[in-house]
């Protein structure tokens, strides 16, 4: 951490990922960064707001296998002391040409189940390389008894209309962080 604080320079790399095989695109990006800057102390991934340790980048770059899909995104959970609700969103899917996903109704009691579900949905979308149209259900996983667990999404502005002003859910936290606009590349 101290070494990063003393850094005298930074290099920014912007590289859109192939929406068919974003894991390979990430692998190429990591390989290029490590090749160009082998003495870097760390790499900041702005699309996921994540610091990647130099040792991990070196191992990933030197590997013949691309990193797993869950390295392509991060989950962001936001809440505060005054609300029970937690706003959850993926970060990083948009650089793969995909829609970021959000959950607005998680609470401090059940957020772990929602986080797991959001990860399963994100990984399913990454495997497929596409997000179905709004309102169209897709299977995220199957329970032990074989029954499917399905997911669907709505544009964020449309989802916000379902929340009455008297009970805005986690949308109030979302608005506090992002303002009143709804990005068309996100789905709730």
C-alpha atoms as a PDB file:
ATOM      1  CA  UNK A   1       0.000   0.000   0.000  1.00  0.00           C
ATOM      2  CA  UNK A   2       2.810   2.397   0.856  1.00  0.00           C
ATOM      3  CA  UNK A   3       4.547   1.657  -2.445  1.00  0.00           C
ATOM      4  CA  UNK A   4       1.375   2.467  -4.345  1.00  0.00           C
ATOM      5  CA  UNK A   5       1.013   5.746  -2.471  1.00  0.00           C
ATOM      6  CA  UNK A   6       4.566   6.699  -3.516  1.00  0.00           C
ATOM      7  CA  UNK A   7       3.984   5.905  -7.193  1.00  0.00           C
ATOM      8  CA  UNK A   8       5.338   8.608  -9.477  1.00  0.00           C
ATOM      9  CA  UNK A   9       3.515   7.525 -12.620  1.00  0.00           C
ATOM     10  CA  UNK A  10       0.533   5.588 -13.840  1.00  0.00           C
ATOM     11  CA  UNK A  11      -0.401   4.132 -17.200  1.00  0.00           C
ATOM     12  CA  UNK A  12      -4.002   3.782 -18.289  1.00  0.00           C
ATOM     13  CA  UNK A  13      -4.970   0.955 -20.627  1.00  0.00           C
ATOM     14  CA  UNK A  14      -8.432   0.979 -22.183  1.00  0.00           C
ATOM     15  CA  UNK A  15      -9.359  -2.195 -23.989  1.00  0.00           C
ATOM     16  CA  UNK A  16     -12.897  -3.290 -24.888  1.00  0.00           C
ATOM     17  CA  UNK A  17     -13.395  -6.994 -24.385  1.00  0.00           C
ATOM     18  CA  UNK A  18     -14.839  -9.396 -26.926  1.00  0.00           C
ATOM     19  CA  UNK A  19     -18.366 -10.231 -25.827  1.00  0.00           C
ATOM     20  CA  UNK A  20     -17.973 -13.794 -27.144  1.00  0.00           C
ATOM     21  CA  UNK A  21     -14.860 -14.733 -25.121  1.00  0.00           C
ATOM     22  CA  UNK A  22     -14.180 -11.900 -22.658  1.00  0.00           C
ATOM     23  CA  UNK A  23     -12.025 -14.253 -20.554  1.00  0.00           C
ATOM     24  CA  UNK A  24      -9.550 -14.476 -23.452  1.00  0.00           C
ATOM     25  CA  UNK A  25      -9.602 -10.694 -23.878  1.00  0.00           C
ATOM     26  CA  UNK A  26      -8.797 -10.277 -20.179  1.00  0.00           C
ATOM     27  CA  UNK A  27      -5.965 -12.776 -20.575  1.00  0.00           C
ATOM     28  CA  UNK A  28      -4.545 -10.788 -23.501  1.00  0.00           C
ATOM     29  CA  UNK A  29      -4.851  -7.546 -21.542  1.00  0.00           C
ATOM     30  CA  UNK A  30      -3.058  -8.994 -18.511  1.00  0.00           C
ATOM     31  CA  UNK A  31      -0.342 -10.468 -20.737  1.00  0.00           C
ATOM     32  CA  UNK A  32       0.192  -7.119 -22.480  1.00  0.00           C
ATOM     33  CA  UNK A  33       0.309  -5.187 -19.219  1.00  0.00           C
ATOM     34  CA  UNK A  34       2.743  -7.620 -17.630  1.00  0.00           C
ATOM     35  CA  UNK A  35       4.944  -7.657 -20.746  1.00  0.00           C
ATOM     36  CA  UNK A  36       5.036  -3.866 -21.020  1.00  0.00           C
ATOM     37  CA  UNK A  37       5.340  -3.181 -17.275  1.00  0.00           C
ATOM     38  CA  UNK A  38       6.915  -6.225 -15.602  1.00  0.00           C
ATOM     39  CA  UNK A  39       8.116  -4.157 -12.622  1.00  0.00           C
ATOM     40  CA  UNK A  40       4.706  -2.690 -11.796  1.00  0.00           C
ATOM     41  CA  UNK A  41       3.700  -3.030  -8.154  1.00  0.00           C
ATOM     42  CA  UNK A  42      -0.012  -3.362  -8.882  1.00  0.00           C
ATOM     43  CA  UNK A  43      -2.601  -2.798 -11.585  1.00  0.00           C
ATOM     44  CA  UNK A  44      -5.802  -0.843 -11.017  1.00  0.00           C
ATOM     45  CA  UNK A  45      -8.744  -2.218 -12.941  1.00  0.00           C
ATOM     46  CA  UNK A  46     -11.081   0.775 -13.234  1.00  0.00           C
ATOM     47  CA  UNK A  47     -13.900  -1.183 -14.860  1.00  0.00           C
ATOM     48  CA  UNK A  48     -14.197  -3.257 -11.675  1.00  0.00           C
ATOM     49  CA  UNK A  49     -12.697  -0.748  -9.213  1.00  0.00           C
ATOM     50  CA  UNK A  50     -10.259  -3.395  -8.108  1.00  0.00           C
ATOM     51  CA  UNK A  51      -6.523  -3.401  -7.426  1.00  0.00           C
ATOM     52  CA  UNK A  52      -4.864  -6.440  -9.009  1.00  0.00           C
ATOM     53  CA  UNK A  53      -1.678  -7.537  -7.243  1.00  0.00           C
ATOM     54  CA  UNK A  54       1.351  -7.668  -9.539  1.00  0.00           C
ATOM     55  CA  UNK A  55       2.063 -11.280  -8.547  1.00  0.00           C
ATOM     56  CA  UNK A  56      -1.421 -12.388  -9.557  1.00  0.00           C
ATOM     57  CA  UNK A  57      -1.163 -10.519 -12.873  1.00  0.00           C
ATOM     58  CA  UNK A  58       2.193 -12.208 -13.546  1.00  0.00           C
ATOM     59  CA  UNK A  59       0.767 -15.672 -12.819  1.00  0.00           C
ATOM     60  CA  UNK A  60      -2.322 -15.017 -14.947  1.00  0.00           C
ATOM     61  CA  UNK A  61      -0.241 -13.600 -17.817  1.00  0.00           C
ATOM     62  CA  UNK A  62       2.165 -16.541 -17.831  1.00  0.00           C
ATOM     63  CA  UNK A  63      -0.624 -19.122 -17.662  1.00  0.00           C
ATOM     64  CA  UNK A  64      -1.788 -20.909 -20.795  1.00  0.00           C
ATOM     65  CA  UNK A  65      -5.336 -20.786 -19.408  1.00  0.00           C
ATOM     66  CA  UNK A  66      -7.455 -17.617 -19.312  1.00  0.00           C
ATOM     67  CA  UNK A  67      -8.731 -16.427 -15.914  1.00  0.00           C
ATOM     68  CA  UNK A  68     -12.158 -17.661 -14.882  1.00  0.00           C
ATOM     69  CA  UNK A  69     -15.212 -15.588 -15.688  1.00  0.00           C
ATOM     70  CA  UNK A  70     -15.638 -14.332 -12.143  1.00  0.00           C
ATOM     71  CA  UNK A  71     -12.480 -12.231 -12.580  1.00  0.00           C
ATOM     72  CA  UNK A  72     -14.348 -10.167 -15.192  1.00  0.00           C
ATOM     73  CA  UNK A  73     -16.667  -8.479 -12.700  1.00  0.00           C
ATOM     74  CA  UNK A  74     -16.977  -7.429  -9.084  1.00  0.00           C
ATOM     75  CA  UNK A  75     -20.017  -7.184  -6.860  1.00  0.00           C
ATOM     76  CA  UNK A  76     -20.636  -3.825  -5.258  1.00  0.00           C
ATOM     77  CA  UNK A  77     -22.872  -3.703  -2.193  1.00  0.00           C
ATOM     78  CA  UNK A  78     -24.030  -0.360  -0.831  1.00  0.00           C
ATOM     79  CA  UNK A  79     -26.115   0.494   2.178  1.00  0.00           C
ATOM     80  CA  UNK A  80     -26.218   2.748   5.199  1.00  0.00           C
ATOM     81  CA  UNK A  81     -27.277   2.811   8.838  1.00  0.00           C
ATOM     82  CA  UNK A  82     -30.692   4.374   8.147  1.00  0.00           C
ATOM     83  CA  UNK A  83     -32.015   1.751   5.703  1.00  0.00           C
ATOM     84  CA  UNK A  84     -32.365  -2.011   5.983  1.00  0.00           C
ATOM     85  CA  UNK A  85     -32.104  -2.373   2.188  1.00  0.00           C
ATOM     86  CA  UNK A  86     -28.866  -2.941   0.316  1.00  0.00           C
ATOM     87  CA  UNK A  87     -28.289  -1.992  -3.309  1.00  0.00           C
ATOM     88  CA  UNK A  88     -26.188  -4.562  -5.168  1.00  0.00           C
ATOM     89  CA  UNK A  89     -24.682  -4.225  -8.626  1.00  0.00           C
ATOM     90  CA  UNK A  90     -22.127  -5.934 -10.809  1.00  0.00           C
ATOM     91  CA  UNK A  91     -19.183  -3.883 -12.068  1.00  0.00           C
ATOM     92  CA  UNK A  92     -17.230  -4.979 -15.113  1.00  0.00           C
ATOM     93  CA  UNK A  93     -19.828  -6.686 -17.293  1.00  0.00           C
ATOM     94  CA  UNK A  94     -20.281  -3.512 -19.350  1.00  0.00           C
ATOM     95  CA  UNK A  95     -16.641  -3.625 -20.510  1.00  0.00           C
ATOM     96  CA  UNK A  96     -17.512  -7.049 -21.952  1.00  0.00           C
ATOM     97  CA  UNK A  97     -20.345  -5.508 -23.981  1.00  0.00           C
ATOM     98  CA  UNK A  98     -22.938  -6.818 -21.527  1.00  0.00           C
ATOM     99  CA  UNK A  99     -25.487  -5.223 -19.220  1.00  0.00           C
ATOM    100  CA  UNK A 100     -24.627  -4.587 -15.557  1.00  0.00           C
ATOM    101  CA  UNK A 101     -27.104  -6.269 -13.211  1.00  0.00           C
ATOM    102  CA  UNK A 102     -28.616  -4.818 -10.047  1.00  0.00           C
ATOM    103  CA  UNK A 103     -30.660  -6.072  -7.115  1.00  0.00           C
ATOM    104  CA  UNK A 104     -32.589  -3.486  -5.135  1.00  0.00           C
ATOM    105  CA  UNK A 105     -34.467  -5.575  -2.551  1.00  0.00           C
ATOM    106  CA  UNK A 106     -31.664  -7.250  -0.647  1.00  0.00           C
ATOM    107  CA  UNK A 107     -31.624  -6.583   3.071  1.00  0.00           C
ATOM    108  CA  UNK A 108     -28.966  -6.773   5.741  1.00  0.00           C
ATOM    109  CA  UNK A 109     -30.382 -10.192   6.695  1.00  0.00           C
ATOM    110  CA  UNK A 110     -30.599 -11.845   3.266  1.00  0.00           C
ATOM    111  CA  UNK A 111     -27.953 -10.084   1.144  1.00  0.00           C
ATOM    112  CA  UNK A 112     -25.678 -13.155   1.006  1.00  0.00           C
ATOM    113  CA  UNK A 113     -28.295 -15.228  -0.849  1.00  0.00           C
ATOM    114  CA  UNK A 114     -28.854 -12.358  -3.285  1.00  0.00           C
ATOM    115  CA  UNK A 115     -25.088 -11.916  -3.761  1.00  0.00           C
ATOM    116  CA  UNK A 116     -24.736 -15.611  -4.593  1.00  0.00           C
ATOM    117  CA  UNK A 117     -27.657 -15.408  -7.016  1.00  0.00           C
ATOM    118  CA  UNK A 118     -26.251 -12.289  -8.690  1.00  0.00           C
ATOM    119  CA  UNK A 119     -22.892 -14.059  -9.146  1.00  0.00           C
ATOM    120  CA  UNK A 120     -24.610 -17.111 -10.648  1.00  0.00           C
ATOM    121  CA  UNK A 121     -26.593 -14.861 -13.024  1.00  0.00           C
ATOM    122  CA  UNK A 122     -23.480 -12.872 -14.050  1.00  0.00           C
ATOM    123  CA  UNK A 123     -21.474 -16.028 -14.723  1.00  0.00           C
ATOM    124  CA  UNK A 124     -24.344 -17.541 -16.703  1.00  0.00           C
ATOM    125  CA  UNK A 125     -24.531 -14.378 -18.820  1.00  0.00           C
ATOM    126  CA  UNK A 126     -20.754 -14.423 -19.357  1.00  0.00           C
ATOM    127  CA  UNK A 127     -20.903 -18.063 -20.465  1.00  0.00           C
ATOM    128  CA  UNK A 128     -23.673 -17.280 -22.927  1.00  0.00           C
ATOM    129  CA  UNK A 129     -22.118 -13.987 -24.058  1.00  0.00           C
ATOM    130  CA  UNK A 130     -25.516 -12.281 -24.156  1.00  0.00           C
ATOM    131  CA  UNK A 131     -28.304 -10.946 -21.974  1.00  0.00           C
ATOM    132  CA  UNK A 132     -31.860 -11.878 -22.879  1.00  0.00           C
ATOM    133  CA  UNK A 133     -34.380  -9.160 -23.673  1.00  0.00           C
ATOM    134  CA  UNK A 134     -36.022  -7.349 -20.773  1.00  0.00           C
ATOM    135  CA  UNK A 135     -38.683  -9.427 -19.080  1.00  0.00           C
ATOM    136  CA  UNK A 136     -37.512 -12.701 -20.624  1.00  0.00           C
ATOM    137  CA  UNK A 137     -36.687 -15.284 -17.959  1.00  0.00           C
ATOM    138  CA  UNK A 138     -33.518 -17.334 -18.225  1.00  0.00           C
ATOM    139  CA  UNK A 139     -32.313 -20.244 -16.132  1.00  0.00           C
ATOM    140  CA  UNK A 140     -29.520 -19.308 -13.748  1.00  0.00           C
ATOM    141  CA  UNK A 141     -29.100 -22.662 -12.022  1.00  0.00           C
ATOM    142  CA  UNK A 142     -30.938 -25.822 -11.095  1.00  0.00           C
ATOM    143  CA  UNK A 143     -31.841 -26.866  -7.593  1.00  0.00           C
ATOM    144  CA  UNK A 144     -30.929 -30.314  -6.264  1.00  0.00           C
ATOM    145  CA  UNK A 145     -34.395 -31.578  -7.280  1.00  0.00           C
ATOM    146  CA  UNK A 146     -33.790 -30.435 -10.878  1.00  0.00           C
ATOM    147  CA  UNK A 147     -36.165 -27.471 -10.767  1.00  0.00           C
ATOM    148  CA  UNK A 148     -34.794 -24.374 -12.501  1.00  0.00           C
ATOM    149  CA  UNK A 149     -34.130 -21.111 -10.695  1.00  0.00           C
ATOM    150  CA  UNK A 150     -34.842 -18.352 -13.189  1.00  0.00           C
ATOM    151  CA  UNK A 151     -33.961 -14.690 -13.437  1.00  0.00           C
ATOM    152  CA  UNK A 152     -35.200 -11.795 -15.500  1.00  0.00           C
ATOM    153  CA  UNK A 153     -34.374  -8.130 -15.629  1.00  0.00           C
ATOM    154  CA  UNK A 154     -36.047  -4.803 -16.295  1.00  0.00           C
ATOM    155  CA  UNK A 155     -34.510  -1.496 -17.352  1.00  0.00           C
ATOM    156  CA  UNK A 156     -33.592   0.364 -14.163  1.00  0.00           C
ATOM    157  CA  UNK A 157     -35.959   3.272 -14.881  1.00  0.00           C
ATOM    158  CA  UNK A 158     -38.841   0.839 -15.350  1.00  0.00           C
ATOM    159  CA  UNK A 159     -37.969  -1.021 -12.152  1.00  0.00           C
ATOM    160  CA  UNK A 160     -37.860   2.279 -10.223  1.00  0.00           C
ATOM    161  CA  UNK A 161     -41.463   2.958 -11.229  1.00  0.00           C
ATOM    162  CA  UNK A 162     -42.493  -0.166  -9.269  1.00  0.00           C
ATOM    163  CA  UNK A 163     -41.322   1.404  -6.002  1.00  0.00           C
ATOM    164  CA  UNK A 164     -43.783   3.785  -4.332  1.00  0.00           C
ATOM    165  CA  UNK A 165     -42.373   6.994  -2.869  1.00  0.00           C
ATOM    166  CA  UNK A 166     -43.404   5.748   0.584  1.00  0.00           C
ATOM    167  CA  UNK A 167     -41.210   2.617   0.247  1.00  0.00           C
ATOM    168  CA  UNK A 168     -38.403   3.256  -2.241  1.00  0.00           C
ATOM    169  CA  UNK A 169     -36.373   0.195  -1.199  1.00  0.00           C
ATOM    170  CA  UNK A 170     -32.694   0.340  -2.064  1.00  0.00           C
ATOM    171  CA  UNK A 171     -33.425   2.709  -4.943  1.00  0.00           C
ATOM    172  CA  UNK A 172     -33.005   5.556  -2.445  1.00  0.00           C
ATOM    173  CA  UNK A 173     -29.438   4.337  -1.758  1.00  0.00           C
ATOM    174  CA  UNK A 174     -28.818   3.981  -5.485  1.00  0.00           C
ATOM    175  CA  UNK A 175     -30.058   7.529  -6.140  1.00  0.00           C
ATOM    176  CA  UNK A 176     -27.916   8.874  -3.296  1.00  0.00           C
ATOM    177  CA  UNK A 177     -24.852   7.376  -4.994  1.00  0.00           C
ATOM    178  CA  UNK A 178     -25.658   7.871  -8.691  1.00  0.00           C
ATOM    179  CA  UNK A 179     -28.238  10.642  -8.834  1.00  0.00           C
ATOM    180  CA  UNK A 180     -31.678  10.381 -10.375  1.00  0.00           C
ATOM    181  CA  UNK A 181     -30.604   9.193 -13.817  1.00  0.00           C
ATOM    182  CA  UNK A 182     -30.825   5.540 -14.863  1.00  0.00           C
ATOM    183  CA  UNK A 183     -28.177   4.166 -17.200  1.00  0.00           C
ATOM    184  CA  UNK A 184     -29.768   2.216 -20.032  1.00  0.00           C
ATOM    185  CA  UNK A 185     -26.936  -0.331 -19.779  1.00  0.00           C
ATOM    186  CA  UNK A 186     -28.111  -1.538 -16.370  1.00  0.00           C
ATOM    187  CA  UNK A 187     -30.927  -3.841 -15.505  1.00  0.00           C
ATOM    188  CA  UNK A 188     -32.620  -4.454 -12.174  1.00  0.00           C
END
